[in-house]
Amino acid sequence: MTDIGVQALPLTGERTVPGIPEENYWFRRHEVVYRALRARCSGGVVLEAGCGEGYGADLLAGGAPTVLAVDYDSLTVAHVARRYPRVAAARANLVALPVRDEVCDALVSLQVIEHLWEQERFLRECFRVVRPGGTVALSTPNRLTFSPGRDTPLNPFHTRELSGAELTGLVRDAGFADVEILGLHHGPRLREIEASHGGSIVDAQVEVALSGEGWPAALLRDVTSVTCADFELIAGNPDASLDLVALAVRP
């Protein structure tokens, strides 16, 4: 992947951007979920609500004939339209999606709901635009491991983080059925890498960011080496996961 789009879309401290070595861990942690969902979004109309840089929508467009990517940030939308021509990009408020009722075969929204104040309203909009029998797929950081023991998120960009049980309840209350919660975990190689960085590769990266100092060579090498194969997306024990992935169907 070239760095043309990376230069055009500035880092915010929260939006994940591909092609930057220091961002690679977070990029791969997000990318692996898009890849896992691609088969579920292989036909019809797919809507990504909160598309960010657009690499995920473009990945989904490799298997779906129509992908609409929406985001509230106008700079982001312009970037997606310019860099990913097979994705239709539009600016939108996620609690008032500019889509007709029951028009989407699948709706994807990854690492977005934790940023929203009106989570229930957003999920009702998701239900409205997905056709009967259509799929919704959501991911979000697991509150129990991302902000352990806290009532408010550690991440200043997040408004409300969720546990697996809380996410399940929200999705069901919106009207969706057959709700399944998967958990994203570090695989064996990443667990080995973590052992050499004090037990947490995330904490090691946060420490560098807070210190304002340069990256230790060993940490940067290990972060740059991370691939999608270093993560496991599995059913069972979601409370111990890094991120939660909810899959559901509109009846």
C-alpha atoms as a PDB file:
ATOM      1  CA  MET A   1       0.000   0.000   0.000  1.00  0.00           C
ATOM      2  CA  THR A   2       1.432   3.384  -0.961  1.00  0.00           C
ATOM      3  CA  ASP A   3       1.634   6.357   1.352  1.00  0.00           C
ATOM      4  CA  ILE A   4      -0.219   8.812  -0.923  1.00  0.00           C
ATOM      5  CA  GLY A   5      -3.426   8.686   1.087  1.00  0.00           C
ATOM      6  CA  VAL A   6      -1.558   8.621   4.374  1.00  0.00           C
ATOM      7  CA  GLN A   7       0.000  11.982   3.612  1.00  0.00           C
ATOM      8  CA  ALA A   8      -3.358  13.441   2.629  1.00  0.00           C
ATOM      9  CA  LEU A   9      -5.214  12.350   5.777  1.00  0.00           C
ATOM     10  CA  PRO A  10      -3.606  13.556   9.025  1.00  0.00           C
ATOM     11  CA  LEU A  11      -3.343  11.450  12.143  1.00  0.00           C
ATOM     12  CA  THR A  12      -5.741  12.423  14.909  1.00  0.00           C
ATOM     13  CA  GLY A  13      -4.508  10.153  17.670  1.00  0.00           C
ATOM     14  CA  GLU A  14      -7.561   7.923  17.246  1.00  0.00           C
ATOM     15  CA  ARG A  15      -8.261   7.230  13.572  1.00  0.00           C
ATOM     16  CA  THR A  16      -6.240   4.241  12.341  1.00  0.00           C
ATOM     17  CA  VAL A  17      -4.263   4.951   9.179  1.00  0.00           C
ATOM     18  CA  PRO A  18      -2.475   2.282   7.114  1.00  0.00           C
ATOM     19  CA  GLY A  19       1.113   2.522   5.950  1.00  0.00           C
ATOM     20  CA  ILE A  20       2.641   3.990   9.139  1.00  0.00           C
ATOM     21  CA  PRO A  21       5.050   1.657  10.973  1.00  0.00           C
ATOM     22  CA  GLU A  22       4.203   3.041  14.426  1.00  0.00           C
ATOM     23  CA  GLU A  23       0.475   2.493  13.723  1.00  0.00           C
ATOM     24  CA  ASN A  24       0.853  -1.023  12.382  1.00  0.00           C
ATOM     25  CA  TYR A  25      -0.323  -2.896  15.486  1.00  0.00           C
ATOM     26  CA  TRP A  26      -3.605  -0.976  15.600  1.00  0.00           C
ATOM     27  CA  PHE A  27      -4.079  -1.155  11.851  1.00  0.00           C
ATOM     28  CA  ARG A  28      -3.694  -4.945  11.823  1.00  0.00           C
ATOM     29  CA  ARG A  29      -5.937  -5.278  14.903  1.00  0.00           C
ATOM     30  CA  HIS A  30      -8.687  -3.560  12.929  1.00  0.00           C
ATOM     31  CA  GLU A  31      -7.915  -5.061   9.528  1.00  0.00           C
ATOM     32  CA  VAL A  32      -8.266  -8.645  10.760  1.00  0.00           C
ATOM     33  CA  VAL A  33     -11.929  -8.031  11.599  1.00  0.00           C
ATOM     34  CA  TYR A  34     -12.664  -6.572   8.161  1.00  0.00           C
ATOM     35  CA  ARG A  35     -11.092  -9.646   6.586  1.00  0.00           C
ATOM     36  CA  ALA A  36     -13.146 -11.962   8.778  1.00  0.00           C
ATOM     37  CA  LEU A  37     -16.349 -10.155   7.750  1.00  0.00           C
ATOM     38  CA  ARG A  38     -15.647 -10.032   4.026  1.00  0.00           C
ATOM     39  CA  ALA A  39     -17.389 -13.348   3.306  1.00  0.00           C
ATOM     40  CA  ARG A  40     -20.532 -12.130   5.119  1.00  0.00           C
ATOM     41  CA  CYS A  41     -20.566  -9.015   2.949  1.00  0.00           C
ATOM     42  CA  SER A  42     -19.941 -10.621  -0.433  1.00  0.00           C
ATOM     43  CA  GLY A  43     -23.157  -9.678  -2.182  1.00  0.00           C
ATOM     44  CA  GLY A  44     -25.644  -6.856  -2.549  1.00  0.00           C
ATOM     45  CA  VAL A  45     -25.398  -3.465  -0.884  1.00  0.00           C
ATOM     46  CA  VAL A  46     -23.016  -2.957   2.038  1.00  0.00           C
ATOM     47  CA  LEU A  47     -23.031   0.167   4.195  1.00  0.00           C
ATOM     48  CA  GLU A  48     -20.097   1.028   6.435  1.00  0.00           C
ATOM     49  CA  ALA A  49     -21.170   3.444   9.149  1.00  0.00           C
ATOM     50  CA  GLY A  50     -18.119   5.371  10.339  1.00  0.00           C
ATOM     51  CA  CYS A  51     -15.605   4.382   7.669  1.00  0.00           C
ATOM     52  CA  GLY A  52     -12.547   6.321   8.857  1.00  0.00           C
ATOM     53  CA  GLU A  53      -9.648   6.231   6.392  1.00  0.00           C
ATOM     54  CA  GLY A  54     -11.565   3.910   4.068  1.00  0.00           C
ATOM     55  CA  TYR A  55      -9.235   0.931   3.766  1.00  0.00           C
ATOM     56  CA  GLY A  56     -11.861  -1.353   5.330  1.00  0.00           C
ATOM     57  CA  ALA A  57     -14.632  -0.256   2.994  1.00  0.00           C
ATOM     58  CA  ASP A  58     -12.298  -0.812   0.060  1.00  0.00           C
ATOM     59  CA  LEU A  59     -11.466  -4.286   1.329  1.00  0.00           C
ATOM     60  CA  LEU A  60     -15.185  -5.096   1.531  1.00  0.00           C
ATOM     61  CA  ALA A  61     -15.648  -3.694  -1.985  1.00  0.00           C
ATOM     62  CA  GLY A  62     -13.425  -6.487  -3.252  1.00  0.00           C
ATOM     63  CA  GLY A  63     -16.331  -8.872  -2.701  1.00  0.00           C
ATOM     64  CA  ALA A  64     -19.445  -6.707  -2.714  1.00  0.00           C
ATOM     65  CA  PRO A  65     -20.826  -4.971  -5.816  1.00  0.00           C
ATOM     66  CA  THR A  66     -21.915  -1.848  -3.921  1.00  0.00           C
ATOM     67  CA  VAL A  67     -20.234  -0.381  -0.840  1.00  0.00           C
ATOM     68  CA  LEU A  68     -21.375   2.930   0.627  1.00  0.00           C
ATOM     69  CA  ALA A  69     -19.018   4.395   3.232  1.00  0.00           C
ATOM     70  CA  VAL A  70     -20.256   7.215   5.451  1.00  0.00           C
ATOM     71  CA  ASP A  71     -18.455   9.321   8.023  1.00  0.00           C
ATOM     72  CA  TYR A  72     -19.192  12.577   9.809  1.00  0.00           C
ATOM     73  CA  ASP A  73     -15.799  14.139   9.043  1.00  0.00           C
ATOM     74  CA  SER A  74     -15.780  15.938   5.688  1.00  0.00           C
ATOM     75  CA  LEU A  75     -11.990  15.650   5.240  1.00  0.00           C
ATOM     76  CA  THR A  76     -12.268  11.900   5.726  1.00  0.00           C
ATOM     77  CA  VAL A  77     -15.069  11.581   3.172  1.00  0.00           C
ATOM     78  CA  ALA A  78     -13.104  13.553   0.591  1.00  0.00           C
ATOM     79  CA  HIS A  79     -10.067  11.341   1.207  1.00  0.00           C
ATOM     80  CA  VAL A  80     -12.075   8.119   0.786  1.00  0.00           C
ATOM     81  CA  ALA A  81     -13.666   9.354  -2.439  1.00  0.00           C
ATOM     82  CA  ARG A  82     -10.252  10.283  -3.828  1.00  0.00           C
ATOM     83  CA  ARG A  83      -8.285   7.221  -2.769  1.00  0.00           C
ATOM     84  CA  TYR A  84     -10.851   4.413  -3.079  1.00  0.00           C
ATOM     85  CA  PRO A  85     -12.834   4.893  -6.303  1.00  0.00           C
ATOM     86  CA  ARG A  86     -14.806   1.642  -5.968  1.00  0.00           C
ATOM     87  CA  VAL A  87     -16.335   2.930  -2.703  1.00  0.00           C
ATOM     88  CA  ALA A  88     -19.186   5.455  -2.705  1.00  0.00           C
ATOM     89  CA  ALA A  89     -18.406   7.934   0.078  1.00  0.00           C
ATOM     90  CA  ALA A  90     -20.773  10.387   1.743  1.00  0.00           C
ATOM     91  CA  ARG A  91     -20.816  12.632   4.804  1.00  0.00           C
ATOM     92  CA  ALA A  92     -23.503  11.652   7.280  1.00  0.00           C
ATOM     93  CA  ASN A  93     -24.623  11.802  10.885  1.00  0.00           C
ATOM     94  CA  LEU A  94     -24.691   8.180  11.994  1.00  0.00           C
ATOM     95  CA  VAL A  95     -27.889   8.642  13.976  1.00  0.00           C
ATOM     96  CA  ALA A  96     -29.634   9.904  10.811  1.00  0.00           C
ATOM     97  CA  LEU A  97     -28.285   7.733   8.001  1.00  0.00           C
ATOM     98  CA  PRO A  98     -29.008   9.070   4.472  1.00  0.00           C
ATOM     99  CA  VAL A  99     -30.287   5.682   3.302  1.00  0.00           C
ATOM    100  CA  ARG A 100     -33.791   4.416   2.542  1.00  0.00           C
ATOM    101  CA  ASP A 101     -35.476   1.821   4.724  1.00  0.00           C
ATOM    102  CA  GLU A 102     -34.442  -1.809   4.218  1.00  0.00           C
ATOM    103  CA  VAL A 103     -31.999  -1.125   1.379  1.00  0.00           C
ATOM    104  CA  CYS A 104     -28.794  -2.680   2.796  1.00  0.00           C
ATOM    105  CA  ASP A 105     -27.892  -6.342   2.693  1.00  0.00           C
ATOM    106  CA  ALA A 106     -25.220  -5.794   5.330  1.00  0.00           C
ATOM    107  CA  LEU A 107     -24.158  -2.978   7.626  1.00  0.00           C
ATOM    108  CA  VAL A 108     -20.663  -2.832   9.110  1.00  0.00           C
ATOM    109  CA  SER A 109     -19.539  -0.437  11.833  1.00  0.00           C
ATOM    110  CA  LEU A 110     -16.168  -1.179  13.382  1.00  0.00           C
ATOM    111  CA  GLN A 111     -14.653   0.679  16.321  1.00  0.00           C
ATOM    112  CA  VAL A 112     -17.346   3.356  16.109  1.00  0.00           C
ATOM    113  CA  ILE A 113     -20.146   2.836  18.634  1.00  0.00           C
ATOM    114  CA  GLU A 114     -17.869   3.685  21.588  1.00  0.00           C
ATOM    115  CA  HIS A 115     -17.554   7.211  20.148  1.00  0.00           C
ATOM    116  CA  LEU A 116     -21.301   7.863  20.031  1.00  0.00           C
ATOM    117  CA  TRP A 117     -23.443   9.510  22.685  1.00  0.00           C
ATOM    118  CA  GLU A 118     -26.679   8.142  21.204  1.00  0.00           C
ATOM    119  CA  GLN A 119     -25.810   4.477  20.865  1.00  0.00           C
ATOM    120  CA  GLU A 120     -29.407   3.241  21.077  1.00  0.00           C
ATOM    121  CA  ARG A 121     -30.525   5.679  18.396  1.00  0.00           C
ATOM    122  CA  PHE A 122     -27.641   4.626  16.142  1.00  0.00           C
ATOM    123  CA  LEU A 123     -28.618   0.968  16.426  1.00  0.00           C
ATOM    124  CA  ARG A 124     -32.230   1.774  15.613  1.00  0.00           C
ATOM    125  CA  GLU A 125     -30.959   3.463  12.442  1.00  0.00           C
ATOM    126  CA  CYS A 126     -28.926   0.353  11.634  1.00  0.00           C
ATOM    127  CA  PHE A 127     -32.080  -1.742  12.020  1.00  0.00           C
ATOM    128  CA  ARG A 128     -34.058   0.629   9.809  1.00  0.00           C
ATOM    129  CA  VAL A 129     -31.710   0.505   6.824  1.00  0.00           C
ATOM    130  CA  VAL A 130     -30.945  -3.247   6.858  1.00  0.00           C
ATOM    131  CA  ARG A 131     -33.371  -5.464   4.950  1.00  0.00           C
ATOM    132  CA  PRO A 132     -35.087  -8.423   6.652  1.00  0.00           C
ATOM    133  CA  GLY A 133     -32.578 -11.252   6.681  1.00  0.00           C
ATOM    134  CA  GLY A 134     -29.708  -8.784   6.382  1.00  0.00           C
ATOM    135  CA  THR A 135     -26.649  -8.743   8.626  1.00  0.00           C
ATOM    136  CA  VAL A 136     -25.222  -6.187  11.011  1.00  0.00           C
ATOM    137  CA  ALA A 137     -21.618  -6.436  12.220  1.00  0.00           C
ATOM    138  CA  LEU A 138     -20.236  -4.181  14.949  1.00  0.00           C
ATOM    139  CA  SER A 139     -16.907  -4.102  16.737  1.00  0.00           C
ATOM    140  CA  THR A 140     -15.841  -2.140  19.786  1.00  0.00           C
ATOM    141  CA  PRO A 141     -13.132  -2.272  22.456  1.00  0.00           C
ATOM    142  CA  ASN A 142     -14.039  -4.537  25.346  1.00  0.00           C
ATOM    143  CA  ARG A 143     -14.665  -2.244  28.321  1.00  0.00           C
ATOM    144  CA  LEU A 144     -13.537  -4.935  30.772  1.00  0.00           C
ATOM    145  CA  THR A 145     -10.009  -5.055  29.322  1.00  0.00           C
ATOM    146  CA  PHE A 146      -9.710  -1.638  27.635  1.00  0.00           C
ATOM    147  CA  SER A 147     -10.666   0.476  30.694  1.00  0.00           C
ATOM    148  CA  PRO A 148     -10.603  -2.100  33.504  1.00  0.00           C
ATOM    149  CA  GLY A 149     -12.245  -1.130  36.762  1.00  0.00           C
ATOM    150  CA  ARG A 150     -13.411   2.266  35.499  1.00  0.00           C
ATOM    151  CA  ASP A 151     -16.822   3.840  34.988  1.00  0.00           C
ATOM    152  CA  THR A 152     -15.446   6.264  32.375  1.00  0.00           C
ATOM    153  CA  PRO A 153     -13.217   5.337  29.415  1.00  0.00           C
ATOM    154  CA  LEU A 154      -9.475   5.824  29.594  1.00  0.00           C
ATOM    155  CA  ASN A 155      -9.500   6.914  25.952  1.00  0.00           C
ATOM    156  CA  PRO A 156     -10.620  10.571  25.733  1.00  0.00           C
ATOM    157  CA  PHE A 157     -12.152   9.938  22.293  1.00  0.00           C
ATOM    158  CA  HIS A 158     -14.603   7.385  23.726  1.00  0.00           C
ATOM    159  CA  THR A 159     -17.944   8.320  25.264  1.00  0.00           C
ATOM    160  CA  ARG A 160     -19.176   4.915  26.430  1.00  0.00           C
ATOM    161  CA  GLU A 161     -17.419   1.576  26.217  1.00  0.00           C
ATOM    162  CA  LEU A 162     -19.266  -1.737  26.465  1.00  0.00           C
ATOM    163  CA  SER A 163     -18.866  -5.244  27.780  1.00  0.00           C
ATOM    164  CA  GLY A 164     -20.023  -8.214  25.759  1.00  0.00           C
ATOM    165  CA  ALA A 165     -23.250  -8.465  27.744  1.00  0.00           C
ATOM    166  CA  GLU A 166     -23.946  -4.744  27.347  1.00  0.00           C
ATOM    167  CA  LEU A 167     -23.321  -4.847  23.603  1.00  0.00           C
ATOM    168  CA  THR A 168     -25.569  -7.888  23.250  1.00  0.00           C
ATOM    169  CA  GLY A 169     -28.361  -6.110  25.107  1.00  0.00           C
ATOM    170  CA  LEU A 170     -28.133  -2.992  22.946  1.00  0.00           C
ATOM    171  CA  VAL A 171     -28.202  -4.961  19.700  1.00  0.00           C
ATOM    172  CA  ARG A 172     -31.162  -7.068  20.817  1.00  0.00           C
ATOM    173  CA  ASP A 173     -33.070  -4.052  22.111  1.00  0.00           C
ATOM    174  CA  ALA A 174     -32.712  -2.457  18.675  1.00  0.00           C
ATOM    175  CA  GLY A 175     -34.661  -5.387  17.214  1.00  0.00           C
ATOM    176  CA  PHE A 176     -31.920  -7.637  15.873  1.00  0.00           C
ATOM    177  CA  ALA A 177     -31.971 -11.403  16.413  1.00  0.00           C
ATOM    178  CA  ASP A 178     -29.444 -14.266  16.504  1.00  0.00           C
ATOM    179  CA  VAL A 179     -26.890 -12.049  18.241  1.00  0.00           C
ATOM    180  CA  GLU A 180     -23.447 -13.638  18.423  1.00  0.00           C
ATOM    181  CA  ILE A 181     -20.483 -12.105  20.240  1.00  0.00           C
ATOM    182  CA  LEU A 182     -16.941 -12.964  19.154  1.00  0.00           C
ATOM    183  CA  GLY A 183     -13.783 -11.883  20.925  1.00  0.00           C
ATOM    184  CA  LEU A 184     -10.530 -10.715  19.350  1.00  0.00           C
ATOM    185  CA  HIS A 185      -7.432 -12.019  21.160  1.00  0.00           C
ATOM    186  CA  HIS A 186      -3.691 -12.000  20.683  1.00  0.00           C
ATOM    187  CA  GLY A 187      -2.411 -15.175  19.085  1.00  0.00           C
ATOM    188  CA  PRO A 188       0.625 -17.190  20.247  1.00  0.00           C
ATOM    189  CA  ARG A 189       3.299 -15.087  18.527  1.00  0.00           C
ATOM    190  CA  LEU A 190       1.935 -11.819  19.900  1.00  0.00           C
ATOM    191  CA  ARG A 191       1.762 -13.294  23.382  1.00  0.00           C
ATOM    192  CA  GLU A 192       5.429 -14.218  23.069  1.00  0.00           C
ATOM    193  CA  ILE A 193       6.273 -10.699  21.888  1.00  0.00           C
ATOM    194  CA  GLU A 194       4.383  -9.196  24.823  1.00  0.00           C
ATOM    195  CA  ALA A 195       6.512 -11.144  27.279  1.00  0.00           C
ATOM    196  CA  SER A 196       9.560  -9.191  26.073  1.00  0.00           C
ATOM    197  CA  HIS A 197       7.815  -5.836  26.556  1.00  0.00           C
ATOM    198  CA  GLY A 198       6.661  -6.024  30.144  1.00  0.00           C
ATOM    199  CA  GLY A 199       3.629  -8.202  29.449  1.00  0.00           C
ATOM    200  CA  SER A 200       1.614  -5.810  27.259  1.00  0.00           C
ATOM    201  CA  ILE A 201       2.474  -4.526  23.808  1.00  0.00           C
ATOM    202  CA  VAL A 202      -0.375  -2.013  24.147  1.00  0.00           C
ATOM    203  CA  ASP A 203       0.981  -0.595  27.407  1.00  0.00           C
ATOM    204  CA  ALA A 204       4.457  -0.417  25.901  1.00  0.00           C
ATOM    205  CA  GLN A 205       3.139   1.687  23.005  1.00  0.00           C
ATOM    206  CA  VAL A 206       1.149   3.937  25.325  1.00  0.00           C
ATOM    207  CA  GLU A 207       4.253   4.496  27.443  1.00  0.00           C
ATOM    208  CA  VAL A 208       6.173   5.678  24.378  1.00  0.00           C
ATOM    209  CA  ALA A 209       3.348   8.041  23.395  1.00  0.00           C
ATOM    210  CA  LEU A 210       3.157   9.545  26.880  1.00  0.00           C
ATOM    211  CA  SER A 211       6.913   9.904  27.272  1.00  0.00           C
ATOM    212  CA  GLY A 212       7.345  11.915  24.074  1.00  0.00           C
ATOM    213  CA  GLU A 213      10.618  10.102  23.483  1.00  0.00           C
ATOM    214  CA  GLY A 214      11.632   8.054  20.479  1.00  0.00           C
ATOM    215  CA  TRP A 215      10.583   4.473  19.928  1.00  0.00           C
ATOM    216  CA  PRO A 216      12.888   1.767  21.312  1.00  0.00           C
ATOM    217  CA  ALA A 217      14.235  -0.144  18.334  1.00  0.00           C
ATOM    218  CA  ALA A 218      13.024  -3.520  19.601  1.00  0.00           C
ATOM    219  CA  LEU A 219       9.476  -2.289  20.204  1.00  0.00           C
ATOM    220  CA  LEU A 220       9.230  -0.602  16.812  1.00  0.00           C
ATOM    221  CA  ARG A 221      10.555  -3.736  15.125  1.00  0.00           C
ATOM    222  CA  ASP A 222       7.959  -5.899  16.864  1.00  0.00           C
ATOM    223  CA  VAL A 223       5.077  -3.488  16.215  1.00  0.00           C
ATOM    224  CA  THR A 224       6.015  -3.262  12.538  1.00  0.00           C
ATOM    225  CA  SER A 225       6.113  -7.055  12.250  1.00  0.00           C
ATOM    226  CA  VAL A 226       2.493  -7.610  13.391  1.00  0.00           C
ATOM    227  CA  THR A 227       0.158  -9.183  10.814  1.00  0.00           C
ATOM    228  CA  CYS A 228      -3.499 -10.221  10.817  1.00  0.00           C
ATOM    229  CA  ALA A 229      -2.343 -13.790  11.479  1.00  0.00           C
ATOM    230  CA  ASP A 230      -1.163 -12.674  14.931  1.00  0.00           C
ATOM    231  CA  PHE A 231      -4.766 -12.260  16.139  1.00  0.00           C
ATOM    232  CA  GLU A 232      -7.517 -14.778  16.892  1.00  0.00           C
ATOM    233  CA  LEU A 233     -11.228 -14.010  16.481  1.00  0.00           C
ATOM    234  CA  ILE A 234     -13.108 -16.658  18.403  1.00  0.00           C
ATOM    235  CA  ALA A 235     -16.380 -17.424  20.124  1.00  0.00           C
ATOM    236  CA  GLY A 236     -16.343 -17.991  23.863  1.00  0.00           C
ATOM    237  CA  ASN A 237     -14.985 -16.004  26.814  1.00  0.00           C
ATOM    238  CA  PRO A 238     -15.579 -12.547  25.305  1.00  0.00           C
ATOM    239  CA  ASP A 239     -14.970 -10.907  28.702  1.00  0.00           C
ATOM    240  CA  ALA A 240     -11.240 -11.619  28.292  1.00  0.00           C
ATOM    241  CA  SER A 241     -11.021 -10.307  24.724  1.00  0.00           C
ATOM    242  CA  LEU A 242      -9.344  -7.183  23.399  1.00  0.00           C
ATOM    243  CA  ASP A 243     -12.226  -6.205  21.130  1.00  0.00           C
ATOM    244  CA  LEU A 244     -15.798  -7.425  20.805  1.00  0.00           C
ATOM    245  CA  VAL A 245     -17.454  -8.271  17.504  1.00  0.00           C
ATOM    246  CA  ALA A 246     -21.256  -8.513  17.437  1.00  0.00           C
ATOM    247  CA  LEU A 247     -22.964 -10.300  14.557  1.00  0.00           C
ATOM    248  CA  ALA A 248     -26.749 -10.210  14.228  1.00  0.00           C
ATOM    249  CA  VAL A 249     -29.592 -10.520  11.746  1.00  0.00           C
ATOM    250  CA  ARG A 250     -32.635  -8.384  11.145  1.00  0.00           C
ATOM    251  CA  PRO A 251     -35.695 -10.668  11.405  1.00  0.00           C
END
